[in-house]
Amino acid sequence: MAKDKVEEQKEVAFQRRLKAKMRMYREMHGFNQQQMADKLVISKENYQKYEHDQRTGPFRKVPIVVALEFCELAGLDLHELLKGLRKRA
């Protein structure tokens, strides 16, 4: 498999983990999508697009600045999230 393909698969896997964590965090804390968007200082529409895991069609990536904001909010380590590990205690 080509190196570019492997890197692309890793990026998609990271994005899916991030999106799943964002949704899980939001639901666990009883936030609606607007409240979560407000906490991340983004529009509700963008938050909805980021949280939605599109298996078909265009794949909307969560920008790194939004990922960093989310990790800070949720107490997650971005490096661990990149590697697919669990959140820190």
C-alpha atoms as a PDB file:
ATOM      1  CA  MET A   1       0.000   0.000   0.000  1.00  0.00           C
ATOM      2  CA  ALA A   2       1.330   3.425  -0.873  1.00  0.00           C
ATOM      3  CA  LYS A   3       2.572   5.654   1.941  1.00  0.00           C
ATOM      4  CA  ASP A   4       0.064   8.383   1.038  1.00  0.00           C
ATOM      5  CA  LYS A   5      -2.811   5.911   1.333  1.00  0.00           C
ATOM      6  CA  VAL A   6      -1.637   4.780   4.775  1.00  0.00           C
ATOM      7  CA  GLU A   7      -1.349   8.392   5.958  1.00  0.00           C
ATOM      8  CA  GLU A   8      -4.818   9.150   4.607  1.00  0.00           C
ATOM      9  CA  GLN A   9      -6.265   6.151   6.454  1.00  0.00           C
ATOM     10  CA  LYS A  10      -4.610   7.304   9.695  1.00  0.00           C
ATOM     11  CA  GLU A  11      -6.047  10.804   9.246  1.00  0.00           C
ATOM     12  CA  VAL A  12      -9.542   9.444   8.630  1.00  0.00           C
ATOM     13  CA  ALA A  13      -9.230   7.167  11.692  1.00  0.00           C
ATOM     14  CA  PHE A  14      -8.142  10.137  13.826  1.00  0.00           C
ATOM     15  CA  GLN A  15     -10.995  12.269  12.545  1.00  0.00           C
ATOM     16  CA  ARG A  16     -13.515   9.520  13.310  1.00  0.00           C
ATOM     17  CA  ARG A  17     -12.145   9.102  16.859  1.00  0.00           C
ATOM     18  CA  LEU A  18     -12.268  12.856  17.383  1.00  0.00           C
ATOM     19  CA  LYS A  19     -15.830  13.162  16.069  1.00  0.00           C
ATOM     20  CA  ALA A  20     -16.993  10.248  18.218  1.00  0.00           C
ATOM     21  CA  LYS A  21     -15.370  11.806  21.303  1.00  0.00           C
ATOM     22  CA  MET A  22     -16.973  15.169  20.564  1.00  0.00           C
ATOM     23  CA  ARG A  23     -20.424  13.632  20.319  1.00  0.00           C
ATOM     24  CA  MET A  24     -19.924  11.420  23.390  1.00  0.00           C
ATOM     25  CA  TYR A  25     -18.668  14.354  25.474  1.00  0.00           C
ATOM     26  CA  ARG A  26     -21.575  16.548  24.372  1.00  0.00           C
ATOM     27  CA  GLU A  27     -24.163  13.889  25.164  1.00  0.00           C
ATOM     28  CA  MET A  28     -22.587  12.942  28.514  1.00  0.00           C
ATOM     29  CA  HIS A  29     -22.729  16.561  29.638  1.00  0.00           C
ATOM     30  CA  GLY A  30     -26.255  17.156  28.353  1.00  0.00           C
ATOM     31  CA  PHE A  31     -25.214  19.838  25.871  1.00  0.00           C
ATOM     32  CA  ASN A  32     -27.106  20.402  22.664  1.00  0.00           C
ATOM     33  CA  GLN A  33     -25.173  21.081  19.476  1.00  0.00           C
ATOM     34  CA  GLN A  34     -25.589  24.858  19.795  1.00  0.00           C
ATOM     35  CA  GLN A  35     -24.152  24.840  23.319  1.00  0.00           C
ATOM     36  CA  MET A  36     -21.194  22.751  22.201  1.00  0.00           C
ATOM     37  CA  ALA A  37     -20.606  25.031  19.214  1.00  0.00           C
ATOM     38  CA  ASP A  38     -20.662  28.032  21.552  1.00  0.00           C
ATOM     39  CA  LYS A  39     -18.060  26.411  23.797  1.00  0.00           C
ATOM     40  CA  LEU A  40     -15.824  25.794  20.781  1.00  0.00           C
ATOM     41  CA  VAL A  41     -16.511  29.288  19.373  1.00  0.00           C
ATOM     42  CA  ILE A  42     -17.800  27.961  16.050  1.00  0.00           C
ATOM     43  CA  SER A  43     -21.172  28.026  14.324  1.00  0.00           C
ATOM     44  CA  LYS A  44     -23.778  25.379  15.046  1.00  0.00           C
ATOM     45  CA  GLU A  45     -23.775  24.458  11.365  1.00  0.00           C
ATOM     46  CA  ASN A  46     -20.035  23.793  11.372  1.00  0.00           C
ATOM     47  CA  TYR A  47     -20.291  21.818  14.602  1.00  0.00           C
ATOM     48  CA  GLN A  48     -23.027  19.656  13.089  1.00  0.00           C
ATOM     49  CA  LYS A  49     -20.846  18.996  10.053  1.00  0.00           C
ATOM     50  CA  TYR A  50     -17.854  18.102  12.226  1.00  0.00           C
ATOM     51  CA  GLU A  51     -19.822  15.767  14.487  1.00  0.00           C
ATOM     52  CA  HIS A  52     -21.481  13.978  11.603  1.00  0.00           C
ATOM     53  CA  ASP A  53     -19.360  11.026  10.439  1.00  0.00           C
ATOM     54  CA  GLN A  54     -19.939  10.868   6.718  1.00  0.00           C
ATOM     55  CA  ARG A  55     -19.101   7.427   5.378  1.00  0.00           C
ATOM     56  CA  THR A  56     -20.142   8.468   1.884  1.00  0.00           C
ATOM     57  CA  GLY A  57     -19.641  11.740   0.095  1.00  0.00           C
ATOM     58  CA  PRO A  58     -17.209  14.462   1.147  1.00  0.00           C
ATOM     59  CA  PHE A  59     -15.461  13.928   4.464  1.00  0.00           C
ATOM     60  CA  ARG A  60     -15.471  17.103   6.574  1.00  0.00           C
ATOM     61  CA  LYS A  61     -12.325  17.351   8.694  1.00  0.00           C
ATOM     62  CA  VAL A  62     -12.309  18.998  12.096  1.00  0.00           C
ATOM     63  CA  PRO A  63      -9.686  21.768  11.913  1.00  0.00           C
ATOM     64  CA  ILE A  64      -6.748  21.386  14.296  1.00  0.00           C
ATOM     65  CA  VAL A  65      -7.687  24.579  16.166  1.00  0.00           C
ATOM     66  CA  VAL A  66     -11.148  23.151  16.888  1.00  0.00           C
ATOM     67  CA  ALA A  67      -9.602  19.814  17.902  1.00  0.00           C
ATOM     68  CA  LEU A  68      -7.286  21.634  20.325  1.00  0.00           C
ATOM     69  CA  GLU A  69     -10.184  23.632  21.801  1.00  0.00           C
ATOM     70  CA  PHE A  70     -12.190  20.438  22.238  1.00  0.00           C
ATOM     71  CA  CYS A  71      -9.282  18.603  23.892  1.00  0.00           C
ATOM     72  CA  GLU A  72      -8.815  21.472  26.341  1.00  0.00           C
ATOM     73  CA  LEU A  73     -12.549  21.566  27.108  1.00  0.00           C
ATOM     74  CA  ALA A  74     -12.821  17.793  27.545  1.00  0.00           C
ATOM     75  CA  GLY A  75      -9.517  17.250  29.362  1.00  0.00           C
ATOM     76  CA  LEU A  76      -8.142  15.114  26.557  1.00  0.00           C
ATOM     77  CA  ASP A  77      -4.549  14.919  25.426  1.00  0.00           C
ATOM     78  CA  LEU A  78      -4.353  15.557  21.672  1.00  0.00           C
ATOM     79  CA  HIS A  79      -1.314  13.315  21.344  1.00  0.00           C
ATOM     80  CA  GLU A  80      -3.188  10.411  22.946  1.00  0.00           C
ATOM     81  CA  LEU A  81      -6.176  11.078  20.715  1.00  0.00           C
ATOM     82  CA  LEU A  82      -3.911  11.030  17.667  1.00  0.00           C
ATOM     83  CA  LYS A  83      -2.569   7.655  18.729  1.00  0.00           C
ATOM     84  CA  GLY A  84      -6.016   6.311  19.583  1.00  0.00           C
ATOM     85  CA  LEU A  85      -5.423   5.941  23.303  1.00  0.00           C
ATOM     86  CA  ARG A  86      -7.822   6.638  26.136  1.00  0.00           C
ATOM     87  CA  LYS A  87      -8.256  10.029  27.783  1.00  0.00           C
ATOM     88  CA  ARG A  88      -6.018  10.904  30.704  1.00  0.00           C
ATOM     89  CA  ALA A  89      -7.251  10.644  34.274  1.00  0.00           C
END
